[in-house]
């Protein structure tokens, strides 16, 4: 899916739409990509002269990328975080970096979906964790 197709499933809009493209592979793993632009609002003050993407934004990039796995079930509903566990930040992400996310659903019960996700730049792990969503 390209950015416009993603908007058909996710309610996020600029400047908070943080997926440029996404797809599901044959193994059921969700993949997403997002290029961190030089003028991102979250990099202007974090930190002047040494912009680094905040960890909470990295989690949001992973969450939006994983949400695409639920595209067939969304049907006018939204995904909301209900948990973020075991998140680890390994390498800073900076403007100009292409974030590549992969996420696998590891549990589903009722309206809750649990994903193991990771975000890499140039093949190097930057962030990983377990994300739980409620589809409401």
N, C-alpha and C. Protein backbone atom coordinates (compact mmCIF):
# COMPACT_ATOMS: atom_id res chain seq x y z
N UNK A 1 0.84 -1.18 0.00
CA UNK A 1 0.00 0.00 0.00
C UNK A 1 0.88 1.25 0.00
N UNK A 2 0.45 2.23 -0.72
CA UNK A 2 1.14 3.51 -0.67
C UNK A 2 0.45 4.40 0.38
N UNK A 3 0.95 5.60 0.54
CA UNK A 3 0.46 6.51 1.58
C UNK A 3 -1.05 6.79 1.45
N UNK A 4 -1.52 7.00 0.26
CA UNK A 4 -2.95 7.29 0.06
C UNK A 4 -3.81 6.07 0.38
N UNK A 5 -3.36 4.89 0.02
CA UNK A 5 -4.11 3.67 0.36
C UNK A 5 -4.12 3.43 1.87
N UNK A 6 -3.02 3.73 2.53
CA UNK A 6 -2.94 3.59 3.98
C UNK A 6 -3.98 4.47 4.67
N UNK A 7 -4.20 5.66 4.13
CA UNK A 7 -5.19 6.59 4.70
C UNK A 7 -6.60 6.00 4.67
N UNK A 8 -6.84 5.02 3.80
CA UNK A 8 -8.14 4.36 3.76
C UNK A 8 -8.37 3.45 4.95
N UNK A 9 -7.30 3.11 5.68
CA UNK A 9 -7.42 2.22 6.83
C UNK A 9 -7.10 2.90 8.15
N UNK A 10 -6.09 3.75 8.15
CA UNK A 10 -5.69 4.42 9.39
C UNK A 10 -6.31 5.80 9.46
N UNK A 11 -6.75 6.24 10.64
CA UNK A 11 -7.32 7.58 10.77
C UNK A 11 -6.26 8.68 10.85
N UNK A 12 -5.00 8.33 10.99
CA UNK A 12 -3.93 9.32 11.15
C UNK A 12 -3.79 10.17 9.89
N UNK A 13 -3.45 11.42 10.11
CA UNK A 13 -3.17 12.34 9.01
C UNK A 13 -1.93 13.14 9.38
N UNK A 14 -1.38 13.84 8.40
CA UNK A 14 -0.19 14.64 8.62
C UNK A 14 -0.46 15.65 9.73
N UNK A 15 0.47 15.86 10.63
CA UNK A 15 1.83 15.35 10.62
C UNK A 15 2.01 14.02 11.38
N UNK A 16 0.93 13.34 11.75
CA UNK A 16 1.06 12.12 12.55
C UNK A 16 0.90 10.83 11.76
N UNK A 17 0.75 10.90 10.45
CA UNK A 17 0.76 9.67 9.65
C UNK A 17 2.22 9.32 9.41
N UNK A 18 2.67 8.23 10.02
CA UNK A 18 4.09 7.90 10.05
C UNK A 18 4.41 6.59 9.32
N UNK A 19 3.69 6.35 8.23
CA UNK A 19 3.95 5.21 7.35
C UNK A 19 3.84 5.72 5.92
N UNK A 20 4.90 5.50 5.14
CA UNK A 20 4.88 5.90 3.73
C UNK A 20 4.41 4.77 2.83
N UNK A 21 4.76 3.55 3.19
CA UNK A 21 4.32 2.38 2.43
C UNK A 21 4.29 1.17 3.36
N UNK A 22 3.46 0.20 3.00
CA UNK A 22 3.36 -1.00 3.83
C UNK A 22 2.91 -2.18 2.99
N UNK A 23 3.17 -3.37 3.52
CA UNK A 23 2.68 -4.59 2.88
C UNK A 23 2.73 -5.73 3.88
N UNK A 24 1.98 -6.76 3.58
CA UNK A 24 2.00 -8.00 4.35
C UNK A 24 2.73 -9.03 3.51
N UNK A 25 3.66 -9.76 4.11
CA UNK A 25 4.33 -10.80 3.34
C UNK A 25 3.58 -12.13 3.45
N UNK A 26 4.07 -13.14 2.76
CA UNK A 26 3.39 -14.43 2.71
C UNK A 26 3.40 -15.15 4.06
N UNK A 27 4.24 -14.72 4.99
CA UNK A 27 4.30 -15.31 6.32
C UNK A 27 3.42 -14.58 7.32
N UNK A 28 2.67 -13.57 6.86
CA UNK A 28 1.79 -12.81 7.73
C UNK A 28 2.49 -11.75 8.55
N UNK A 29 3.66 -11.35 8.12
CA UNK A 29 4.39 -10.30 8.82
C UNK A 29 4.10 -8.96 8.14
N UNK A 30 3.74 -7.97 8.96
CA UNK A 30 3.48 -6.63 8.45
C UNK A 30 4.80 -5.89 8.30
N UNK A 31 4.93 -5.17 7.19
CA UNK A 31 6.13 -4.38 6.94
C UNK A 31 5.70 -2.95 6.63
N UNK A 32 6.46 -2.00 7.16
CA UNK A 32 6.20 -0.60 6.88
C UNK A 32 7.50 0.16 6.72
N UNK A 33 7.44 1.24 5.97
CA UNK A 33 8.60 2.11 5.78
C UNK A 33 8.18 3.55 6.01
N UNK A 34 9.10 4.29 6.63
CA UNK A 34 8.87 5.71 6.82
C UNK A 34 10.21 6.43 6.77
N UNK A 35 10.31 7.43 5.89
CA UNK A 35 11.51 8.25 5.77
C UNK A 35 11.39 9.44 6.72
N UNK A 36 12.35 9.58 7.62
CA UNK A 36 12.37 10.71 8.55
C UNK A 36 12.86 11.93 7.78
N UNK A 37 11.98 12.92 7.67
CA UNK A 37 12.31 14.12 6.91
C UNK A 37 13.05 15.13 7.79
N UNK A 38 13.80 16.01 7.15
CA UNK A 38 14.59 17.01 7.86
C UNK A 38 13.72 17.96 8.69
N UNK A 39 12.49 18.22 8.24
CA UNK A 39 11.65 19.22 8.90
C UNK A 39 10.57 18.63 9.81
N UNK A 40 10.73 17.39 10.25
CA UNK A 40 9.73 16.76 11.12
C UNK A 40 9.55 17.60 12.39
N UNK A 41 8.31 17.80 12.80
CA UNK A 41 8.02 18.63 13.97
C UNK A 41 8.70 18.09 15.22
N UNK A 42 8.83 16.78 15.34
CA UNK A 42 9.37 16.18 16.55
C UNK A 42 10.90 16.25 16.62
N UNK A 43 11.55 16.63 15.52
CA UNK A 43 13.01 16.75 15.55
C UNK A 43 13.47 18.19 15.79
N UNK A 44 12.59 19.16 15.61
CA UNK A 44 12.99 20.57 15.73
C UNK A 44 13.51 20.90 17.12
N UNK A 45 12.89 20.35 18.15
CA UNK A 45 13.34 20.66 19.51
C UNK A 45 13.97 19.49 20.22
N UNK A 46 14.20 18.40 19.49
CA UNK A 46 14.73 17.16 20.11
C UNK A 46 15.90 16.65 19.29
N UNK A 47 16.98 17.17 19.24
CA UNK A 47 17.56 18.27 19.99
C UNK A 47 18.16 19.25 19.00
N UNK A 48 18.04 20.58 19.24
CA UNK A 48 18.61 21.56 18.30
C UNK A 48 20.10 21.28 18.07
N UNK A 49 20.47 21.21 16.80
CA UNK A 49 21.85 20.95 16.45
C UNK A 49 22.21 19.48 16.40
N UNK A 50 21.39 18.63 17.00
CA UNK A 50 21.61 17.18 16.99
C UNK A 50 20.26 16.48 17.03
N UNK A 51 19.47 16.61 15.94
CA UNK A 51 18.11 16.05 15.96
C UNK A 51 18.10 14.53 16.03
N UNK A 52 17.31 14.02 16.98
CA UNK A 52 17.13 12.59 17.18
C UNK A 52 15.63 12.33 17.29
N UNK A 53 15.14 11.30 16.64
CA UNK A 53 13.72 10.97 16.70
C UNK A 53 13.40 10.46 18.12
N UNK A 54 12.40 11.07 18.80
CA UNK A 54 12.04 10.61 20.14
C UNK A 54 11.55 9.16 20.13
N UNK A 55 11.82 8.45 21.21
CA UNK A 55 11.43 7.06 21.33
C UNK A 55 9.94 6.84 21.16
N UNK A 56 9.14 7.75 21.67
CA UNK A 56 7.69 7.59 21.55
C UNK A 56 7.25 7.64 20.09
N UNK A 57 7.96 8.40 19.27
CA UNK A 57 7.66 8.46 17.83
C UNK A 57 8.07 7.15 17.17
N UNK A 58 9.19 6.58 17.57
CA UNK A 58 9.59 5.28 17.02
C UNK A 58 8.54 4.22 17.33
N UNK A 59 7.99 4.26 18.56
CA UNK A 59 6.92 3.33 18.92
C UNK A 59 5.69 3.56 18.05
N UNK A 60 5.37 4.80 17.77
CA UNK A 60 4.21 5.12 16.93
C UNK A 60 4.43 4.65 15.49
N UNK A 61 5.64 4.79 14.98
CA UNK A 61 5.95 4.29 13.63
C UNK A 61 5.73 2.78 13.59
N UNK A 62 6.21 2.08 14.62
CA UNK A 62 6.02 0.63 14.66
C UNK A 62 4.53 0.29 14.76
N UNK A 63 3.80 1.01 15.61
CA UNK A 63 2.38 0.72 15.80
C UNK A 63 1.58 0.92 14.51
N UNK A 64 1.80 2.02 13.84
CA UNK A 64 1.06 2.27 12.60
C UNK A 64 1.39 1.22 11.55
N UNK A 65 2.65 0.82 11.48
CA UNK A 65 3.04 -0.21 10.52
C UNK A 65 2.37 -1.54 10.84
N UNK A 66 2.30 -1.90 12.12
CA UNK A 66 1.66 -3.16 12.52
C UNK A 66 0.14 -3.10 12.32
N UNK A 67 -0.45 -1.93 12.49
CA UNK A 67 -1.90 -1.79 12.34
C UNK A 67 -2.37 -2.19 10.95
N UNK A 68 -1.50 -2.08 9.98
CA UNK A 68 -1.86 -2.46 8.62
C UNK A 68 -2.25 -3.93 8.55
N UNK A 69 -1.69 -4.75 9.44
CA UNK A 69 -2.04 -6.18 9.47
C UNK A 69 -3.52 -6.38 9.78
N UNK A 70 -4.15 -5.38 10.38
CA UNK A 70 -5.56 -5.48 10.75
C UNK A 70 -6.47 -4.79 9.75
N UNK A 71 -5.93 -4.39 8.62
CA UNK A 71 -6.70 -3.62 7.63
C UNK A 71 -8.02 -4.28 7.27
N UNK A 72 -8.05 -5.58 7.13
CA UNK A 72 -9.28 -6.27 6.76
C UNK A 72 -10.31 -6.32 7.87
N UNK A 73 -9.89 -6.00 9.09
CA UNK A 73 -10.81 -6.07 10.23
C UNK A 73 -11.19 -4.71 10.77
N UNK A 74 -10.55 -3.66 10.29
CA UNK A 74 -10.78 -2.32 10.86
C UNK A 74 -12.22 -1.87 10.62
N UNK A 75 -12.67 -1.86 9.39
CA UNK A 75 -14.07 -1.52 9.05
C UNK A 75 -14.63 -0.36 9.86
N UNK A 76 -13.98 0.80 9.77
CA UNK A 76 -14.47 1.99 10.46
C UNK A 76 -14.05 2.10 11.91
N UNK A 77 -13.40 1.08 12.43
CA UNK A 77 -12.91 1.14 13.81
C UNK A 77 -11.48 1.66 13.81
N UNK A 78 -10.95 1.93 14.99
CA UNK A 78 -9.59 2.42 15.14
C UNK A 78 -8.80 1.52 16.06
N UNK A 79 -7.49 1.50 15.86
CA UNK A 79 -6.62 0.77 16.77
C UNK A 79 -6.09 1.75 17.81
N UNK A 80 -6.20 1.35 19.07
CA UNK A 80 -5.69 2.16 20.17
C UNK A 80 -4.71 1.32 20.97
N UNK A 81 -3.61 1.95 21.38
CA UNK A 81 -2.67 1.26 22.25
C UNK A 81 -3.38 0.81 23.52
N UNK A 82 -3.13 -0.41 23.94
CA UNK A 82 -3.56 -0.83 25.27
C UNK A 82 -2.36 -1.35 26.06
N UNK A 83 -1.20 -1.40 25.42
CA UNK A 83 0.02 -1.77 26.11
C UNK A 83 1.24 -1.64 25.24
N UNK A 84 2.32 -1.27 25.88
CA UNK A 84 3.63 -1.22 25.23
C UNK A 84 4.58 -1.86 26.23
N UNK A 85 5.16 -3.00 25.86
CA UNK A 85 6.00 -3.74 26.79
C UNK A 85 7.37 -4.04 26.20
N UNK A 86 8.34 -4.13 27.10
CA UNK A 86 9.70 -4.56 26.74
C UNK A 86 10.30 -3.79 25.58
N UNK A 87 10.00 -2.50 25.50
CA UNK A 87 10.57 -1.69 24.42
C UNK A 87 12.02 -1.36 24.75
N UNK A 88 12.86 -1.53 23.76
CA UNK A 88 14.28 -1.24 23.90
C UNK A 88 14.72 -0.37 22.73
N UNK A 89 15.54 0.63 23.06
CA UNK A 89 16.08 1.54 22.06
C UNK A 89 17.58 1.25 21.94
N UNK A 90 18.02 0.88 20.76
CA UNK A 90 19.40 0.43 20.57
C UNK A 90 20.27 1.47 19.86
N UNK A 91 19.71 2.11 18.85
CA UNK A 91 20.48 3.02 18.01
C UNK A 91 19.62 4.25 17.70
N UNK A 92 20.16 5.45 17.85
CA UNK A 92 19.37 6.65 17.54
C UNK A 92 18.96 6.69 16.06
N UNK A 93 17.79 7.27 15.83
CA UNK A 93 17.28 7.49 14.47
C UNK A 93 17.30 8.99 14.22
N UNK A 94 17.78 9.38 13.04
CA UNK A 94 17.97 10.79 12.73
C UNK A 94 17.28 11.16 11.41
N UNK A 95 17.09 12.45 11.18
CA UNK A 95 16.54 12.88 9.90
C UNK A 95 17.36 12.32 8.74
N UNK A 96 16.65 11.89 7.70
CA UNK A 96 17.27 11.27 6.54
C UNK A 96 17.28 9.76 6.61
N UNK A 97 17.02 9.19 7.80
CA UNK A 97 16.99 7.74 7.96
C UNK A 97 15.69 7.15 7.42
N UNK A 98 15.79 6.00 6.78
CA UNK A 98 14.62 5.26 6.33
C UNK A 98 14.34 4.17 7.37
N UNK A 99 13.24 4.32 8.08
CA UNK A 99 12.84 3.33 9.08
C UNK A 99 12.12 2.19 8.38
N UNK A 100 12.56 0.97 8.68
CA UNK A 100 11.93 -0.22 8.13
C UNK A 100 11.43 -1.05 9.30
N UNK A 101 10.13 -1.26 9.32
CA UNK A 101 9.47 -1.94 10.43
C UNK A 101 8.98 -3.31 9.99
N UNK A 102 9.10 -4.27 10.88
CA UNK A 102 8.44 -5.56 10.68
C UNK A 102 7.73 -5.91 11.98
N UNK A 103 6.53 -6.45 11.84
CA UNK A 103 5.75 -6.80 13.02
C UNK A 103 4.94 -8.06 12.78
N UNK A 104 4.98 -8.94 13.76
CA UNK A 104 4.25 -10.21 13.66
C UNK A 104 3.24 -10.29 14.79
N UNK A 105 1.99 -10.62 14.43
CA UNK A 105 0.97 -10.81 15.45
C UNK A 105 1.28 -12.11 16.19
N UNK A 106 1.37 -12.01 17.52
CA UNK A 106 1.70 -13.18 18.33
C UNK A 106 0.54 -13.63 19.22
N UNK A 107 -0.49 -12.79 19.33
CA UNK A 107 -1.67 -13.17 20.11
C UNK A 107 -2.86 -12.33 19.70
N UNK A 108 -4.05 -12.92 19.86
CA UNK A 108 -5.30 -12.22 19.56
C UNK A 108 -6.37 -12.79 20.47
N UNK A 109 -7.04 -11.93 21.21
CA UNK A 109 -8.15 -12.35 22.05
C UNK A 109 -9.17 -11.22 22.09
N UNK A 110 -10.36 -11.54 21.64
CA UNK A 110 -11.45 -10.56 21.62
C UNK A 110 -11.02 -9.36 20.75
N UNK A 111 -11.01 -8.17 21.33
CA UNK A 111 -10.65 -6.98 20.56
C UNK A 111 -9.16 -6.64 20.67
N UNK A 112 -8.38 -7.49 21.35
CA UNK A 112 -6.98 -7.21 21.62
C UNK A 112 -6.05 -7.98 20.68
N UNK A 113 -5.04 -7.30 20.18
CA UNK A 113 -4.06 -7.86 19.26
C UNK A 113 -2.67 -7.52 19.77
N UNK A 114 -1.80 -8.52 19.82
CA UNK A 114 -0.45 -8.32 20.34
C UNK A 114 0.55 -8.58 19.20
N UNK A 115 1.48 -7.65 19.03
CA UNK A 115 2.50 -7.74 17.99
C UNK A 115 3.89 -7.64 18.59
N UNK A 116 4.80 -8.43 18.06
CA UNK A 116 6.23 -8.26 18.30
C UNK A 116 6.73 -7.44 17.12
N UNK A 117 7.37 -6.30 17.42
CA UNK A 117 7.78 -5.40 16.34
C UNK A 117 9.23 -4.99 16.50
N UNK A 118 9.83 -4.66 15.37
CA UNK A 118 11.17 -4.10 15.39
C UNK A 118 11.29 -3.05 14.30
N UNK A 119 12.13 -2.06 14.56
CA UNK A 119 12.39 -0.97 13.63
C UNK A 119 13.89 -0.95 13.37
N UNK A 120 14.27 -0.99 12.10
CA UNK A 120 15.67 -0.99 11.70
C UNK A 120 15.95 0.15 10.73
N UNK A 121 17.19 0.61 10.72
CA UNK A 121 17.67 1.56 9.72
C UNK A 121 18.94 0.95 9.13
N UNK A 122 18.94 0.81 7.82
CA UNK A 122 20.09 0.19 7.12
C UNK A 122 20.44 -1.17 7.71
N UNK A 123 19.42 -1.93 8.08
CA UNK A 123 19.64 -3.27 8.62
C UNK A 123 20.06 -3.31 10.07
N UNK A 124 20.21 -2.17 10.71
CA UNK A 124 20.65 -2.10 12.10
C UNK A 124 19.44 -1.87 13.01
N UNK A 125 19.29 -2.73 14.02
CA UNK A 125 18.16 -2.62 14.95
C UNK A 125 18.24 -1.32 15.74
N UNK A 126 17.14 -0.56 15.71
CA UNK A 126 17.07 0.71 16.44
C UNK A 126 16.10 0.63 17.61
N UNK A 127 15.02 -0.12 17.44
CA UNK A 127 13.97 -0.19 18.45
C UNK A 127 13.21 -1.50 18.29
N UNK A 128 12.78 -2.07 19.41
CA UNK A 128 11.96 -3.28 19.36
C UNK A 128 11.07 -3.31 20.58
N UNK A 129 9.98 -4.07 20.50
CA UNK A 129 9.09 -4.22 21.64
C UNK A 129 7.83 -4.95 21.31
N UNK A 130 7.02 -5.13 22.33
CA UNK A 130 5.71 -5.79 22.21
C UNK A 130 4.64 -4.72 22.31
N UNK A 131 3.79 -4.67 21.30
CA UNK A 131 2.73 -3.65 21.21
C UNK A 131 1.38 -4.35 21.26
N UNK A 132 0.50 -3.86 22.12
CA UNK A 132 -0.83 -4.41 22.23
C UNK A 132 -1.84 -3.33 21.83
N UNK A 133 -2.79 -3.71 20.96
CA UNK A 133 -3.80 -2.79 20.47
C UNK A 133 -5.19 -3.32 20.81
N UNK A 134 -6.10 -2.39 21.02
CA UNK A 134 -7.52 -2.70 21.08
C UNK A 134 -8.15 -2.14 19.81
N UNK A 135 -8.95 -2.93 19.15
CA UNK A 135 -9.64 -2.49 17.94
C UNK A 135 -11.05 -2.09 18.34
N UNK A 136 -11.29 -0.77 18.41
CA UNK A 136 -12.59 -0.25 18.87
C UNK A 136 -13.18 0.74 17.90
